[in-house]
Amino acid sequence: MKVQSQSFVYSQQQIQAQQAVASEKAGKTLPQSQMANGHVDSDKFDFTDMTMKELSQASKALYDEGVLTLGQHASLSLHYSATSTGLNQGDGQVSLSALSKAENDRVDVIAMQKERLREATASGAPASQIEFSKELLHTLEAYQFGGAGKFYVSA
């Protein structure tokens, strides 16, 4: 019962916050908020063509917006974070070639996630890992193709 009550209070707060933003007017000193503008800057990410550094930045932005969970954000940004800090090197030193590759080589993140899911399924990975991969792939595809991203195409 306590959880239901907390859930109700939270949903009411969310509604009130949305109503407050919707009624916000642009002023001369403060810019109108992004939510009042009707969009968020999240539609600028193309998950079919980005570097690992861009993926890390996009992941952070989408996590901050609530599009990605903390686990999804960690999964997407881990490679670049480890490369840029040297955590993926045995000696703990930053590899300039790996860093350059992470900052310059473009990848299709959605295709990469599909491959990870296929490999996890084929290797008999735990059900929780497979479910996590499916949810992350679904989130990325929904963002890219389902209305939140700039590449949405209505049928």
Foldseek 3Di string as FASTA:
>chain_A
DVVVVVVVVVVVVVVVVLVVLCPDDADPPDGRDQVNVVADPLQPDALQKDALVVQLVSLVVCVVVVLDPPVLSCVSNVQQVCQVQQVVPPVRDHDPVSNCRRHPPIHNNLVVLVVVLVVCVVVVHDPVVNVVSVVSSVSVCCCNANPNYPNHDDD
